[in-house]
PDB file of N, CA and C in Angstrom:
ATOM      1  N   UNK A   1      41.510  80.648  84.157  1.00  0.00           N
ATOM      2  CA  UNK A   1      41.223  79.385  83.547  1.00  0.00           C
ATOM      3  C   UNK A   1      40.715  79.636  82.083  1.00  0.00           C
ATOM      4  N   UNK A   2      41.318  79.020  81.112  1.00  0.00           N
ATOM      5  CA  UNK A   2      40.909  79.254  79.730  1.00  0.00           C
ATOM      6  C   UNK A   2      39.685  78.516  79.426  1.00  0.00           C
ATOM      7  N   UNK A   3      38.966  78.999  78.391  1.00  0.00           N
ATOM      8  CA  UNK A   3      37.711  78.402  78.004  1.00  0.00           C
ATOM      9  C   UNK A   3      37.773  77.853  76.603  1.00  0.00           C
ATOM     10  N   UNK A   4      38.917  77.808  75.984  1.00  0.00           N
ATOM     11  CA  UNK A   4      39.032  77.352  74.586  1.00  0.00           C
ATOM     12  C   UNK A   4      38.902  75.828  74.562  1.00  0.00           C
ATOM     13  N   UNK A   5      38.334  75.313  73.486  1.00  0.00           N
ATOM     14  CA  UNK A   5      38.049  73.933  73.349  1.00  0.00           C
ATOM     15  C   UNK A   5      39.062  73.214  72.476  1.00  0.00           C
ATOM     16  N   UNK A   6      40.065  73.864  72.036  1.00  0.00           N
ATOM     17  CA  UNK A   6      41.064  73.256  71.175  1.00  0.00           C
ATOM     18  C   UNK A   6      42.213  72.701  72.011  1.00  0.00           C
ATOM     19  N   UNK A   7      42.640  71.409  71.753  1.00  0.00           N
ATOM     20  CA  UNK A   7      43.735  70.857  72.479  1.00  0.00           C
ATOM     21  C   UNK A   7      45.040  71.518  72.067  1.00  0.00           C
ATOM     22  N   UNK A   8      45.998  71.652  73.005  1.00  0.00           N
ATOM     23  CA  UNK A   8      47.334  72.098  72.620  1.00  0.00           C
ATOM     24  C   UNK A   8      47.901  71.171  71.621  1.00  0.00           C
ATOM     25  N   UNK A   9      48.650  71.684  70.645  1.00  0.00           N
ATOM     26  CA  UNK A   9      49.132  70.815  69.539  1.00  0.00           C
ATOM     27  C   UNK A   9      50.298  69.957  70.059  1.00  0.00           C
ATOM     28  N   UNK A  10      50.098  68.712  70.034  1.00  0.00           N
ATOM     29  CA  UNK A  10      51.191  67.745  70.348  1.00  0.00           C
ATOM     30  C   UNK A  10      50.977  66.500  69.513  1.00  0.00           C
ATOM     31  N   UNK A  11      51.945  65.665  69.504  1.00  0.00           N
ATOM     32  CA  UNK A  11      51.775  64.385  68.755  1.00  0.00           C
ATOM     33  C   UNK A  11      51.216  63.296  69.748  1.00  0.00           C
ATOM     34  N   UNK A  12      50.561  62.292  69.227  1.00  0.00           N
ATOM     35  CA  UNK A  12      50.043  61.229  70.023  1.00  0.00           C
ATOM     36  C   UNK A  12      48.647  61.452  70.534  1.00  0.00           C
ATOM     37  N   UNK A  13      48.154  60.561  71.334  1.00  0.00           N
ATOM     38  CA  UNK A  13      46.810  60.643  71.848  1.00  0.00           C
ATOM     39  C   UNK A  13      46.719  61.788  72.839  1.00  0.00           C
ATOM     40  N   UNK A  14      45.575  62.493  72.790  1.00  0.00           N
ATOM     41  CA  UNK A  14      45.333  63.601  73.695  1.00  0.00           C
ATOM     42  C   UNK A  14      43.888  63.574  74.096  1.00  0.00           C
ATOM     43  N   UNK A  15      43.623  63.257  75.348  1.00  0.00           N
ATOM     44  CA  UNK A  15      42.257  63.180  75.809  1.00  0.00           C
ATOM     45  C   UNK A  15      41.965  64.182  76.914  1.00  0.00           C
ATOM     46  N   UNK A  16      40.676  64.412  77.179  1.00  0.00           N
ATOM     47  CA  UNK A  16      40.282  65.318  78.195  1.00  0.00           C
ATOM     48  C   UNK A  16      40.275  64.608  79.488  1.00  0.00           C
ATOM     49  N   UNK A  17      40.788  65.199  80.555  1.00  0.00           N
ATOM     50  CA  UNK A  17      40.784  64.573  81.879  1.00  0.00           C
ATOM     51  C   UNK A  17      39.958  65.463  82.821  1.00  0.00           C
ATOM     52  N   UNK A  18      39.269  64.841  83.755  1.00  0.00           N
ATOM     53  CA  UNK A  18      38.578  65.609  84.758  1.00  0.00           C
ATOM     54  C   UNK A  18      39.555  65.920  85.900  1.00  0.00           C
ATOM     55  N   UNK A  19      39.061  66.651  86.892  1.00  0.00           N
ATOM     56  CA  UNK A  19      39.942  67.119  88.012  1.00  0.00           C
ATOM     57  C   UNK A  19      40.485  65.958  88.781  1.00  0.00           C
ATOM     58  N   UNK A  20      39.698  64.945  89.031  1.00  0.00           N
ATOM     59  CA  UNK A  20      40.134  63.796  89.795  1.00  0.00           C
ATOM     60  C   UNK A  20      41.266  63.019  89.039  1.00  0.00           C
ATOM     61  N   UNK A  21      41.098  62.870  87.740  1.00  0.00           N
ATOM     62  CA  UNK A  21      42.135  62.215  86.959  1.00  0.00           C
ATOM     63  C   UNK A  21      43.459  63.002  86.936  1.00  0.00           C
ATOM     64  N   UNK A  22      43.317  64.290  86.799  1.00  0.00           N
ATOM     65  CA  UNK A  22      44.566  65.151  86.853  1.00  0.00           C
ATOM     66  C   UNK A  22      45.194  65.033  88.245  1.00  0.00           C
ATOM     67  N   UNK A  23      44.415  65.068  89.271  1.00  0.00           N
ATOM     68  CA  UNK A  23      44.952  64.945  90.644  1.00  0.00           C
ATOM     69  C   UNK A  23      45.669  63.662  90.846  1.00  0.00           C
ATOM     70  N   UNK A  24      45.121  62.571  90.326  1.00  0.00           N
ATOM     71  CA  UNK A  24      45.811  61.269  90.434  1.00  0.00           C
ATOM     72  C   UNK A  24      47.112  61.252  89.637  1.00  0.00           C
ATOM     73  N   UNK A  25      47.113  61.854  88.498  1.00  0.00           N
ATOM     74  CA  UNK A  25      48.354  61.885  87.641  1.00  0.00           C
ATOM     75  C   UNK A  25      49.389  62.726  88.341  1.00  0.00           C
ATOM     76  N   UNK A  26      49.011  63.884  88.955  1.00  0.00           N
ATOM     77  CA  UNK A  26      49.978  64.750  89.622  1.00  0.00           C
ATOM     78  C   UNK A  26      50.279  64.346  91.054  1.00  0.00           C
ATOM     79  N   UNK A  27      49.518  63.415  91.544  1.00  0.00           N
ATOM     80  CA  UNK A  27      49.614  62.936  92.948  1.00  0.00           C
ATOM     81  C   UNK A  27      49.443  64.064  93.922  1.00  0.00           C
ATOM     82  N   UNK A  28      48.348  64.852  93.654  1.00  0.00           N
ATOM     83  CA  UNK A  28      48.008  65.985  94.594  1.00  0.00           C
ATOM     84  C   UNK A  28      46.508  65.864  94.923  1.00  0.00           C
ATOM     85  N   UNK A  29      46.054  66.720  95.770  1.00  0.00           N
ATOM     86  CA  UNK A  29      44.594  66.772  96.110  1.00  0.00           C
ATOM     87  C   UNK A  29      43.866  67.511  94.998  1.00  0.00           C
ATOM     88  N   UNK A  30      42.575  67.177  94.833  1.00  0.00           N
ATOM     89  CA  UNK A  30      41.789  67.768  93.786  1.00  0.00           C
ATOM     90  C   UNK A  30      41.740  69.274  93.912  1.00  0.00           C
ATOM     91  N   UNK A  31      41.707  69.749  95.134  1.00  0.00           N
ATOM     92  CA  UNK A  31      41.680  71.228  95.348  1.00  0.00           C
ATOM     93  C   UNK A  31      42.960  71.902  94.790  1.00  0.00           C
ATOM     94  N   UNK A  32      44.027  71.214  94.845  1.00  0.00           N
ATOM     95  CA  UNK A  32      45.321  71.716  94.281  1.00  0.00           C
ATOM     96  C   UNK A  32      45.181  71.914  92.772  1.00  0.00           C
ATOM     97  N   UNK A  33      44.469  70.966  92.116  1.00  0.00           N
ATOM     98  CA  UNK A  33      44.317  71.062  90.677  1.00  0.00           C
ATOM     99  C   UNK A  33      43.462  72.256  90.369  1.00  0.00           C
ATOM    100  N   UNK A  34      42.458  72.549  91.119  1.00  0.00           N
ATOM    101  CA  UNK A  34      41.634  73.717  90.873  1.00  0.00           C
ATOM    102  C   UNK A  34      42.430  74.978  91.052  1.00  0.00           C
ATOM    103  N   UNK A  35      43.278  75.028  92.166  1.00  0.00           N
ATOM    104  CA  UNK A  35      44.092  76.216  92.355  1.00  0.00           C
ATOM    105  C   UNK A  35      45.115  76.427  91.254  1.00  0.00           C
ATOM    106  N   UNK A  36      45.682  75.350  90.739  1.00  0.00           N
ATOM    107  CA  UNK A  36      46.640  75.486  89.607  1.00  0.00           C
ATOM    108  C   UNK A  36      45.957  76.012  88.416  1.00  0.00           C
ATOM    109  N   UNK A  37      44.718  75.588  88.128  1.00  0.00           N
ATOM    110  CA  UNK A  37      43.961  76.062  86.995  1.00  0.00           C
ATOM    111  C   UNK A  37      43.561  77.581  87.177  1.00  0.00           C
ATOM    112  N   UNK A  38      43.097  77.890  88.316  1.00  0.00           N
ATOM    113  CA  UNK A  38      42.678  79.228  88.616  1.00  0.00           C
ATOM    114  C   UNK A  38      43.840  80.213  88.545  1.00  0.00           C
ATOM    115  N   UNK A  39      45.038  79.768  88.931  1.00  0.00           N
ATOM    116  CA  UNK A  39      46.212  80.660  88.853  1.00  0.00           C
ATOM    117  C   UNK A  39      46.770  80.767  87.447  1.00  0.00           C
ATOM    118  N   UNK A  40      46.343  79.841  86.559  1.00  0.00           N
ATOM    119  CA  UNK A  40      46.859  79.913  85.190  1.00  0.00           C
ATOM    120  C   UNK A  40      48.056  79.066  84.989  1.00  0.00           C
ATOM    121  N   UNK A  41      48.556  78.366  86.011  1.00  0.00           N
ATOM    122  CA  UNK A  41      49.738  77.543  85.826  1.00  0.00           C
ATOM    123  C   UNK A  41      49.394  76.224  85.116  1.00  0.00           C
ATOM    124  N   UNK A  42      48.123  75.823  85.162  1.00  0.00           N
ATOM    125  CA  UNK A  42      47.677  74.611  84.475  1.00  0.00           C
ATOM    126  C   UNK A  42      46.550  75.027  83.548  1.00  0.00           C
ATOM    127  N   UNK A  43      46.776  74.754  82.253  1.00  0.00           N
ATOM    128  CA  UNK A  43      45.760  75.105  81.265  1.00  0.00           C
ATOM    129  C   UNK A  43      44.563  74.195  81.365  1.00  0.00           C
ATOM    130  N   UNK A  44      43.388  74.708  81.692  1.00  0.00           N
ATOM    131  CA  UNK A  44      42.168  73.953  81.833  1.00  0.00           C
ATOM    132  C   UNK A  44      40.986  74.738  81.354  1.00  0.00           C
ATOM    133  N   UNK A  45      39.800  74.100  81.318  1.00  0.00           N
ATOM    134  CA  UNK A  45      38.587  74.799  80.895  1.00  0.00           C
ATOM    135  C   UNK A  45      37.475  74.318  81.817  1.00  0.00           C
ATOM    136  N   UNK A  46      36.416  75.119  81.797  1.00  0.00           N
ATOM    137  CA  UNK A  46      35.182  74.759  82.542  1.00  0.00           C
ATOM    138  C   UNK A  46      34.071  74.668  81.516  1.00  0.00           C
ATOM    139  N   UNK A  47      33.379  73.526  81.447  1.00  0.00           N
ATOM    140  CA  UNK A  47      32.311  73.344  80.593  1.00  0.00           C
ATOM    141  C   UNK A  47      31.009  73.658  81.302  1.00  0.00           C
ATOM    142  N   UNK A  48      30.062  74.315  80.650  1.00  0.00           N
ATOM    143  CA  UNK A  48      28.842  74.778  81.296  1.00  0.00           C
ATOM    144  C   UNK A  48      28.974  75.993  82.070  1.00  0.00           C
ATOM    145  N   UNK A  49      27.896  76.361  82.719  1.00  0.00           N
ATOM    146  CA  UNK A  49      27.885  77.634  83.471  1.00  0.00           C
ATOM    147  C   UNK A  49      27.827  77.447  84.985  1.00  0.00           C
ATOM    148  N   UNK A  50      27.854  76.212  85.461  1.00  0.00           N
ATOM    149  CA  UNK A  50      27.736  76.020  86.918  1.00  0.00           C
ATOM    150  C   UNK A  50      28.924  76.551  87.653  1.00  0.00           C
ATOM    151  N   UNK A  51      28.714  77.539  88.489  1.00  0.00           N
ATOM    152  CA  UNK A  51      29.790  78.150  89.231  1.00  0.00           C
ATOM    153  C   UNK A  51      29.987  77.457  90.595  1.00  0.00           C
ATOM    154  N   UNK A  52      28.907  76.898  91.173  1.00  0.00           N
ATOM    155  CA  UNK A  52      29.001  76.249  92.443  1.00  0.00           C
ATOM    156  C   UNK A  52      29.567  74.841  92.345  1.00  0.00           C
ATOM    157  N   UNK A  53      29.177  74.144  91.337  1.00  0.00           N
ATOM    158  CA  UNK A  53      29.639  72.788  91.152  1.00  0.00           C
ATOM    159  C   UNK A  53      30.752  72.780  90.133  1.00  0.00           C
ATOM    160  N   UNK A  54      31.779  71.960  90.379  1.00  0.00           N
ATOM    161  CA  UNK A  54      32.909  71.954  89.479  1.00  0.00           C
ATOM    162  C   UNK A  54      32.954  70.744  88.604  1.00  0.00           C
ATOM    163  N   UNK A  55      31.832  70.186  88.295  1.00  0.00           N
ATOM    164  CA  UNK A  55      31.785  68.932  87.510  1.00  0.00           C
ATOM    165  C   UNK A  55      32.192  69.190  86.090  1.00  0.00           C
ATOM    166  N   UNK A  56      32.174  70.396  85.616  1.00  0.00           N
ATOM    167  CA  UNK A  56      32.501  70.694  84.243  1.00  0.00           C
ATOM    168  C   UNK A  56      33.959  70.931  83.975  1.00  0.00           C
ATOM    169  N   UNK A  57      34.836  70.744  84.914  1.00  0.00           N
ATOM    170  CA  UNK A  57      36.253  70.966  84.791  1.00  0.00           C
ATOM    171  C   UNK A  57      36.875  69.958  83.890  1.00  0.00           C
ATOM    172  N   UNK A  58      37.651  70.394  82.928  1.00  0.00           N
ATOM    173  CA  UNK A  58      38.339  69.491  81.987  1.00  0.00           C
ATOM    174  C   UNK A  58      39.722  70.073  81.682  1.00  0.00           C
ATOM    175  N   UNK A  59      40.628  69.189  81.492  1.00  0.00           N
ATOM    176  CA  UNK A  59      42.017  69.569  81.154  1.00  0.00           C
ATOM    177  C   UNK A  59      42.571  68.590  80.153  1.00  0.00           C
ATOM    178  N   UNK A  60      43.253  69.142  79.133  1.00  0.00           N
ATOM    179  CA  UNK A  60      43.854  68.223  78.136  1.00  0.00           C
ATOM    180  C   UNK A  60      45.038  67.495  78.768  1.00  0.00           C
ATOM    181  N   UNK A  61      45.159  66.251  78.383  1.00  0.00           N
ATOM    182  CA  UNK A  61      46.264  65.422  78.900  1.00  0.00           C
ATOM    183  C   UNK A  61      47.601  66.072  78.562  1.00  0.00           C
ATOM    184  N   UNK A  62      47.745  66.642  77.411  1.00  0.00           N
ATOM    185  CA  UNK A  62      48.995  67.280  76.987  1.00  0.00           C
ATOM    186  C   UNK A  62      49.287  68.540  77.853  1.00  0.00           C
ATOM    187  N   UNK A  63      48.212  69.162  78.376  1.00  0.00           N
ATOM    188  CA  UNK A  63      48.436  70.330  79.232  1.00  0.00           C
ATOM    189  C   UNK A  63      49.010  69.844  80.559  1.00  0.00           C
ATOM    190  N   UNK A  64      48.584  68.740  81.031  1.00  0.00           N
ATOM    191  CA  UNK A  64      49.145  68.151  82.253  1.00  0.00           C
ATOM    192  C   UNK A  64      50.651  67.757  82.045  1.00  0.00           C
ATOM    193  N   UNK A  65      50.902  67.189  80.927  1.00  0.00           N
ATOM    194  CA  UNK A  65      52.263  66.846  80.585  1.00  0.00           C
ATOM    195  C   UNK A  65      53.158  68.043  80.480  1.00  0.00           C
ATOM    196  N   UNK A  66      52.620  69.142  79.896  1.00  0.00           N
ATOM    197  CA  UNK A  66      53.397  70.364  79.744  1.00  0.00           C
ATOM    198  C   UNK A  66      53.660  70.980  81.142  1.00  0.00           C
ATOM    199  N   UNK A  67      52.639  70.942  82.022  1.00  0.00           N
ATOM    200  CA  UNK A  67      52.846  71.425  83.385  1.00  0.00           C
ATOM    201  C   UNK A  67      53.989  70.636  84.057  1.00  0.00           C
ATOM    202  N   UNK A  68      53.948  69.310  83.920  1.00  0.00           N
ATOM    203  CA  UNK A  68      54.902  68.486  84.543  1.00  0.00           C
ATOM    204  C   UNK A  68      56.327  68.786  83.933  1.00  0.00           C
ATOM    205  N   UNK A  69      56.389  69.054  82.683  1.00  0.00           N
ATOM    206  CA  UNK A  69      57.654  69.372  82.041  1.00  0.00           C
ATOM    207  C   UNK A  69      58.214  70.673  82.525  1.00  0.00           C
ATOM    208  N   UNK A  70      57.363  71.663  82.795  1.00  0.00           N
ATOM    209  CA  UNK A  70      57.810  72.906  83.334  1.00  0.00           C
ATOM    210  C   UNK A  70      58.234  72.843  84.773  1.00  0.00           C
ATOM    211  N   UNK A  71      57.780  71.832  85.481  1.00  0.00           N
ATOM    212  CA  UNK A  71      57.993  71.690  86.900  1.00  0.00           C
ATOM    213  C   UNK A  71      59.245  70.900  87.234  1.00  0.00           C
ATOM    214  N   UNK A  72      59.984  70.479  86.189  1.00  0.00           N
ATOM    215  CA  UNK A  72      61.196  69.694  86.448  1.00  0.00           C
ATOM    216  C   UNK A  72      62.309  70.531  86.999  1.00  0.00           C
ATOM    217  N   UNK A  73      62.917  70.019  88.001  1.00  0.00           N
ATOM    218  CA  UNK A  73      64.063  70.777  88.628  1.00  0.00           C
ATOM    219  C   UNK A  73      65.348  70.050  88.186  1.00  0.00           C
ATOM    220  N   UNK A  74      66.260  70.790  87.577  1.00  0.00           N
ATOM    221  CA  UNK A  74      67.471  70.175  87.148  1.00  0.00           C
ATOM    222  C   UNK A  74      68.447  70.010  88.324  1.00  0.00           C
ATOM    223  N   UNK A  75      69.310  69.056  88.181  1.00  0.00           N
ATOM    224  CA  UNK A  75      70.291  68.750  89.256  1.00  0.00           C
ATOM    225  C   UNK A  75      71.290  69.904  89.329  1.00  0.00           C
ATOM    226  N   UNK A  76      71.665  70.228  90.497  1.00  0.00           N
ATOM    227  CA  UNK A  76      72.671  71.307  90.792  1.00  0.00           C
ATOM    228  C   UNK A  76      74.002  70.653  91.067  1.00  0.00           C
ATOM    229  N   UNK A  77      74.979  70.967  90.315  1.00  0.00           N
ATOM    230  CA  UNK A  77      76.342  70.421  90.579  1.00  0.00           C
ATOM    231  C   UNK A  77      77.124  71.448  91.454  1.00  0.00           C
ATOM    232  N   UNK A  78      77.861  70.893  92.364  1.00  0.00           N
ATOM    233  CA  UNK A  78      78.672  71.788  93.205  1.00  0.00           C
ATOM    234  C   UNK A  78      80.115  71.827  92.623  1.00  0.00           C
ATOM    235  N   UNK A  79      80.863  72.744  93.114  1.00  0.00           N
ATOM    236  CA  UNK A  79      82.263  72.858  92.590  1.00  0.00           C
ATOM    237  C   UNK A  79      83.114  71.645  92.945  1.00  0.00           C
ATOM    238  N   UNK A  80      82.769  70.948  94.014  1.00  0.00           N
ATOM    239  CA  UNK A  80      83.499  69.786  94.430  1.00  0.00           C
ATOM    240  C   UNK A  80      83.274  68.666  93.401  1.00  0.00           C
ATOM    241  N   UNK A  81      82.024  68.542  92.905  1.00  0.00           N
ATOM    242  CA  UNK A  81      81.677  67.481  91.958  1.00  0.00           C
ATOM    243  C   UNK A  81      82.326  67.760  90.592  1.00  0.00           C
ATOM    244  N   UNK A  82      82.420  69.037  90.209  1.00  0.00           N
ATOM    245  CA  UNK A  82      82.949  69.364  88.916  1.00  0.00           C
ATOM    246  C   UNK A  82      84.505  69.246  88.936  1.00  0.00           C
ATOM    247  N   UNK A  83      85.146  69.384  90.104  1.00  0.00           N
ATOM    248  CA  UNK A  83      86.570  69.355  90.260  1.00  0.00           C
ATOM    249  C   UNK A  83      87.076  67.926  90.308  1.00  0.00           C
ATOM    250  N   UNK A  84      86.213  67.000  90.680  1.00  0.00           N
ATOM    251  CA  UNK A  84      86.637  65.584  90.792  1.00  0.00           C
ATOM    252  C   UNK A  84      86.689  64.827  89.516  1.00  0.00           C
TER     253      UNK A  84
END
């Protein structure tokens, strides 16, 4: 999990989201958000030094959008569809 306080450069509004807000946006459990951040797949930061409590978790809105963009699965075309 990164600790930098600078938002990823994107255009438009970019706000900090807590773990619950990220989970709602991704439609996953809050624990999944923490696992994604710990694995480095979701760029996030922890504010403060509390290791037992996760209240300081923050993630830039653009980082969530970037994660969603990387998670898109493109449609697979079969040879039957291309021949028709």
